[in-house]
Amino acid sequence: MKTILVTAAIAAATLFAPGSAAAGVQATCDPDKHVNIHVQKRGNFIDGLGGFFNCDQKTTGFTIMVQEKTTLSWKDHVVRSGVWKTNQYAVTTYTCNGSKTKKYRALIKSGIGNHAWIKTSSSITVACG
């Protein structure tokens, strides 16, 4: 977990510059095999971490967010979009307020070739206060 936090901090400091996705994304970068998405609690913060790993392309455009479970659906928080390098995490952080127990997950979406996709992390249930 410590490695993910260090990698996430480096990624957050260097990778939030918007840009355009690389042209000609190769089919060998399968989101089911090459996309990691994770959510974690850190003090009063909920971090969503995601990225492409071991892909042939150098950069990939995508959107990442933290989501909070509501009665009927998931509410988006801190949506970030841009282009990130493969083998590095992109991070988005939501400030968790109050003392009520809530459920959170991270969501990442992108497209490879003509195939758009969405992938979510497992959810965590935490008290924020």
Protein backbone atom coordinates (compact mmCIF):
# COMPACT_ATOMS: atom_id res chain seq x y z
CA MET A 1 0.00 0.00 0.00
CA LYS A 2 2.92 2.35 0.76
CA THR A 3 4.22 1.89 -2.80
CA ILE A 4 0.83 2.83 -4.26
CA LEU A 5 0.71 6.01 -2.13
CA VAL A 6 4.23 7.07 -3.19
CA THR A 7 3.47 6.31 -6.83
CA ALA A 8 0.17 8.14 -6.51
CA ALA A 9 1.83 11.21 -5.01
CA ILE A 10 4.36 11.35 -7.84
CA ALA A 11 1.59 10.87 -10.40
CA ALA A 12 -0.55 13.58 -8.81
CA ALA A 13 2.33 16.03 -8.87
CA THR A 14 3.25 15.41 -12.49
CA LEU A 15 0.34 14.05 -14.46
CA PHE A 16 -2.68 16.35 -14.16
CA ALA A 17 -1.88 18.35 -17.29
CA PRO A 18 -4.66 18.03 -19.88
CA GLY A 19 -3.81 16.99 -23.42
CA SER A 20 -5.00 14.84 -26.25
CA ALA A 21 -5.06 11.07 -26.49
CA ALA A 22 -2.47 9.28 -28.55
CA ALA A 23 -3.59 8.47 -32.08
CA GLY A 24 -3.80 4.86 -33.18
CA VAL A 25 -4.20 3.19 -29.81
CA GLN A 26 -3.05 -0.38 -30.14
CA ALA A 27 -5.49 -3.23 -29.59
CA THR A 28 -2.98 -4.99 -27.29
CA CYS A 29 -3.92 -2.58 -24.46
CA ASP A 30 -6.97 -4.45 -23.15
CA PRO A 31 -8.81 -2.61 -20.33
CA ASP A 32 -9.71 -5.92 -18.67
CA LYS A 33 -6.02 -6.84 -18.44
CA HIS A 34 -4.12 -3.53 -18.41
CA VAL A 35 -6.23 -1.07 -16.41
CA ASN A 36 -5.89 -0.84 -12.62
CA ILE A 37 -8.46 1.09 -10.58
CA HIS A 38 -8.42 1.37 -6.79
CA VAL A 39 -10.07 3.41 -4.01
CA GLN A 40 -8.62 4.02 -0.55
CA LYS A 41 -9.29 6.09 2.58
CA ARG A 42 -6.48 8.34 3.79
CA GLY A 43 -7.47 10.34 6.87
CA ASN A 44 -10.50 12.41 5.79
CA PHE A 45 -9.70 11.86 2.12
CA ILE A 46 -10.92 9.29 -0.36
CA ASP A 47 -8.38 8.66 -3.15
CA GLY A 48 -9.25 7.21 -6.54
CA LEU A 49 -6.18 5.81 -8.29
CA GLY A 50 -6.19 4.44 -11.80
CA GLY A 51 -4.06 3.92 -14.85
CA PHE A 52 -2.89 1.76 -17.72
CA PHE A 53 -0.09 -0.71 -17.06
CA ASN A 54 2.08 -2.74 -19.45
CA CYS A 55 0.48 -1.30 -22.59
CA ASP A 56 2.21 -0.79 -25.92
CA GLN A 57 1.19 2.86 -26.23
CA LYS A 58 3.06 5.57 -24.32
CA THR A 59 0.05 7.73 -23.30
CA THR A 60 -3.69 7.27 -22.96
CA GLY A 61 -6.45 9.81 -22.41
CA PHE A 62 -9.02 9.00 -19.74
CA THR A 63 -11.27 10.37 -17.01
CA ILE A 64 -11.08 9.29 -13.36
CA MET A 65 -13.38 10.14 -10.45
CA VAL A 66 -14.40 9.19 -6.93
CA GLN A 67 -18.06 8.18 -6.61
CA GLU A 68 -20.29 8.17 -3.51
CA LYS A 69 -23.22 5.74 -3.24
CA THR A 70 -26.61 7.46 -2.95
CA THR A 71 -29.98 5.82 -2.47
CA LEU A 72 -30.52 5.19 -6.19
CA SER A 73 -27.16 5.67 -7.93
CA TRP A 74 -23.55 6.86 -7.65
CA LYS A 75 -22.70 10.58 -7.30
CA ASP A 76 -19.52 11.80 -9.04
CA HIS A 77 -16.87 13.75 -7.09
CA VAL A 78 -13.62 15.38 -8.27
CA VAL A 79 -13.72 14.37 -11.94
CA ARG A 80 -10.32 14.69 -13.63
CA SER A 81 -9.57 14.21 -17.32
CA GLY A 82 -6.35 14.27 -19.29
CA VAL A 83 -3.60 12.17 -20.77
CA TRP A 84 -1.40 10.05 -18.57
CA LYS A 85 1.67 7.95 -19.27
CA THR A 86 1.36 4.19 -19.14
CA ASN A 87 2.70 2.51 -15.98
CA GLN A 88 1.83 5.46 -13.70
CA TYR A 89 -1.22 6.10 -11.55
CA ALA A 90 -3.43 9.13 -11.99
CA VAL A 91 -5.01 10.29 -8.73
CA THR A 92 -8.13 12.17 -7.77
CA THR A 93 -8.93 12.99 -4.13
CA TYR A 94 -12.26 13.79 -2.48
CA THR A 95 -12.47 15.42 0.96
CA CYS A 96 -14.79 13.29 3.06
CA ASN A 97 -16.87 15.29 5.57
CA GLY A 98 -19.20 14.37 8.42
CA SER A 99 -19.34 11.27 10.57
CA LYS A 100 -21.94 9.25 8.69
CA THR A 101 -20.74 5.97 7.18
CA LYS A 102 -20.73 6.16 3.38
CA LYS A 103 -19.78 3.90 0.48
CA TYR A 104 -17.23 5.04 -2.14
CA ARG A 105 -15.65 3.64 -5.28
CA ALA A 106 -13.38 4.91 -8.04
CA LEU A 107 -14.38 4.95 -11.72
CA ILE A 108 -12.20 5.28 -14.79
CA LYS A 109 -13.40 5.61 -18.39
CA SER A 110 -11.71 5.84 -21.74
CA GLY A 111 -11.76 4.35 -25.20
CA ILE A 112 -9.40 2.08 -27.03
CA GLY A 113 -9.81 2.32 -30.77
CA ASN A 114 -13.56 2.60 -31.37
CA HIS A 115 -14.41 0.77 -28.14
CA ALA A 116 -15.46 3.01 -25.21
CA TRP A 117 -15.39 1.42 -21.75
CA ILE A 118 -15.89 2.11 -18.04
CA LYS A 119 -14.23 0.27 -15.18
CA THR A 120 -14.95 0.63 -11.45
CA SER A 121 -13.02 -0.37 -8.36
CA SER A 122 -14.42 -2.40 -5.52
CA SER A 123 -16.27 -0.17 -3.08
CA ILE A 124 -15.22 0.71 0.47
CA THR A 125 -17.52 1.70 3.33
CA VAL A 126 -16.00 4.27 5.69
CA ALA A 127 -16.90 6.83 8.34
CA CYS A 128 -15.39 10.16 7.38
CA GLY A 129 -15.21 11.95 10.75
